Protein backbone atom coordinates (compact mmCIF):
# COMPACT_ATOMS: atom_id res chain seq x y z
CA MET A 1 -60.61 -95.74 -27.14
CA LYS A 2 -59.43 -98.42 -24.64
CA LYS A 3 -59.62 -97.97 -21.02
CA THR A 4 -56.53 -98.92 -19.16
CA LYS A 5 -57.11 -101.12 -15.97
CA LYS A 6 -55.49 -99.37 -12.74
CA PRO A 7 -52.50 -101.50 -11.24
CA ILE A 8 -53.18 -102.68 -7.89
CA ARG A 9 -51.82 -101.00 -5.27
CA VAL A 10 -50.00 -102.70 -2.39
CA LEU A 11 -48.21 -101.26 0.91
CA ILE A 12 -45.52 -102.95 2.41
CA ALA A 13 -44.77 -102.52 6.18
CA LYS A 14 -42.64 -103.36 8.54
CA PRO A 15 -44.48 -103.20 11.88
CA GLY A 16 -42.69 -103.15 15.56
CA LEU A 17 -39.10 -102.75 16.39
CA ASN A 18 -37.40 -105.32 13.99
CA GLY A 19 -34.95 -103.58 11.99
CA HIS A 20 -34.44 -106.76 9.16
CA ASP A 21 -36.13 -105.83 5.88
CA ARG A 22 -34.25 -107.59 3.22
CA GLY A 23 -37.51 -109.72 2.54
CA ALA A 24 -39.72 -106.69 2.34
CA LYS A 25 -37.40 -104.73 -0.17
CA VAL A 26 -37.22 -107.98 -2.28
CA LEU A 27 -41.09 -108.26 -1.94
CA THR A 28 -41.45 -104.60 -3.12
CA LEU A 29 -39.18 -105.09 -6.20
CA GLY A 30 -40.97 -108.18 -7.09
CA LEU A 31 -44.44 -106.94 -6.65
CA ARG A 32 -43.57 -103.93 -8.62
CA ASP A 33 -41.89 -106.41 -11.75
CA GLU A 34 -45.43 -108.10 -11.22
CA GLY A 35 -46.95 -104.77 -12.30
CA MET A 36 -48.14 -103.90 -8.97
CA GLU A 37 -47.43 -99.91 -7.74
CA VAL A 38 -45.84 -100.60 -4.55
CA ILE A 39 -45.54 -98.25 -1.24
CA TYR A 40 -42.56 -99.47 1.60
CA THR A 41 -43.11 -97.66 4.62
CA GLY A 42 -39.58 -98.49 6.14
CA ILE A 43 -38.77 -100.47 9.40
CA ARG A 44 -39.84 -99.81 12.94
CA GLN A 45 -43.63 -98.41 11.90
CA THR A 46 -46.40 -98.18 14.49
CA PRO A 47 -49.90 -99.89 13.34
CA ALA A 48 -51.58 -96.31 13.61
CA SER A 49 -48.71 -94.88 10.72
CA ILE A 50 -49.33 -98.23 8.67
CA ALA A 51 -53.13 -97.71 8.98
CA LYS A 52 -52.64 -93.94 8.34
CA THR A 53 -49.99 -94.47 5.10
CA ALA A 54 -52.65 -97.21 3.82
CA PHE A 55 -55.81 -94.72 4.17
CA GLN A 56 -53.75 -91.45 2.65
CA GLU A 57 -52.43 -93.78 -0.37
CA ASP A 58 -55.73 -95.79 -1.28
CA VAL A 59 -54.21 -99.24 -1.39
CA ASP A 60 -55.87 -102.40 -2.25
CA VAL A 61 -53.39 -104.66 -0.06
CA VAL A 62 -51.44 -104.13 3.05
CA ALA A 63 -48.51 -106.86 3.40
CA LEU A 64 -46.87 -106.77 6.87
CA SER A 65 -43.56 -108.09 7.48
CA CYS A 66 -42.69 -109.37 10.67
CA LEU A 67 -39.60 -110.98 12.36
CA SER A 68 -39.64 -110.01 15.89
CA GLY A 69 -42.09 -112.48 17.13
CA ALA A 70 -44.72 -109.77 18.01
CA HIS A 71 -46.78 -110.59 15.10
CA ASN A 72 -49.99 -111.92 17.37
CA TYR A 73 -50.35 -108.54 18.41
CA LEU A 74 -49.17 -106.34 15.90
CA PHE A 75 -51.09 -107.79 12.42
CA PRO A 76 -54.29 -107.75 14.33
CA LYS A 77 -53.71 -104.43 15.25
CA VAL A 78 -53.03 -103.17 11.76
CA VAL A 79 -56.30 -104.78 10.48
CA GLU A 80 -58.25 -103.08 13.69
CA LEU A 81 -57.12 -99.46 12.69
CA LEU A 82 -57.91 -100.20 8.86
CA ARG A 83 -61.69 -101.39 9.55
CA GLU A 84 -62.04 -98.20 11.86
CA LYS A 85 -61.11 -96.24 8.73
CA GLY A 86 -63.82 -97.82 6.96
CA MET A 87 -61.00 -99.71 4.98
CA ASN A 88 -62.83 -102.90 5.02
CA GLU A 89 -62.17 -104.21 1.73
CA VAL A 90 -58.43 -104.03 2.05
CA LEU A 91 -56.68 -107.15 1.92
CA VAL A 92 -53.87 -108.08 4.82
CA ILE A 93 -51.87 -110.38 4.19
CA GLY A 94 -48.29 -111.05 6.29
CA GLY A 95 -44.55 -112.82 5.95
CA GLY A 96 -41.84 -113.02 8.14
CA ILE A 97 -40.84 -115.71 11.02
CA ILE A 98 -44.27 -117.09 11.67
CA PRO A 99 -44.61 -120.39 13.55
CA LEU A 100 -47.27 -122.52 11.80
CA ASP A 101 -49.05 -122.43 14.87
CA ASP A 102 -50.12 -118.70 14.87
CA VAL A 103 -51.28 -118.89 11.47
CA PRO A 104 -55.16 -120.06 12.47
CA SER A 105 -55.45 -117.36 14.57
CA LEU A 106 -53.74 -114.41 12.52
CA LYS A 107 -56.27 -115.43 10.01
CA GLU A 108 -59.23 -115.42 12.36
CA LYS A 109 -58.17 -111.79 13.00
CA GLY A 110 -58.29 -110.75 9.21
CA ILE A 111 -55.11 -111.59 7.98
CA LYS A 112 -55.82 -113.68 4.65
CA ALA A 113 -52.39 -115.70 4.17
CA ILE A 114 -48.85 -115.79 5.64
CA PHE A 115 -46.13 -116.06 3.02
CA GLY A 116 -43.33 -117.24 4.80
CA PRO A 117 -39.25 -117.26 4.11
CA GLY A 118 -38.75 -118.77 0.54
CA SER A 119 -42.49 -118.01 -0.71
CA ALA A 120 -42.25 -117.45 -4.33
CA ILE A 121 -42.84 -113.82 -5.60
CA LYS A 122 -45.04 -115.42 -8.68
CA ASP A 123 -47.22 -116.98 -5.83
CA ILE A 124 -47.91 -113.71 -3.52
CA ALA A 125 -48.61 -111.95 -6.45
CA ASN A 126 -50.90 -114.56 -7.76
CA PHE A 127 -52.51 -114.58 -4.66
CA ILE A 128 -52.94 -110.81 -4.27
CA ARG A 129 -54.50 -110.67 -7.69
CA GLU A 130 -57.20 -113.61 -7.00
CA ASN A 131 -58.18 -111.95 -3.55
CA VAL A 132 -57.79 -108.55 -4.05
CA LYS A 133 -61.37 -106.91 -4.10
CA ARG A 134 -61.38 -103.53 -6.02
C-alpha cells in the first residue's frame, strides 16, 4: 500500500489594522490550487491570535500580509510568539507593500522571504516547497 504524503499546511494571516485582503485571498486560492492545505484567518488579526491559530492548526508555514506599514513590528512579533510556542521549524514568509530597504531587517528577524505585488503564485509555492521543514 502506497503511503500518501501529507499536504503542506499554510496559515495566511493579515496582522494589524489593514482591511485590504484581495492579495491574501488570491494567495489562499492559488496555494490551494498548488496542492497545499490553506487556512485564512481574515483581516485585523493580532500577532498573538496568529501564533495561537498556527499552533492549533499545526501549520508548516505562516504567510503574513501587510499593507499598512506596520510590518517591521508585526512580522517579527509573530515570529517571536511562534518561537515561544516551540514552533521553531515553521517557515514564515511575508508579503504586501514592503519597502525593499526593510527586507534585510525582516530576514534577520526570521522572515525567510518577502513576496511583493506581482509575485507569481507558482514562485511562492515553489519557495514554500523548497524551504518548508517537515
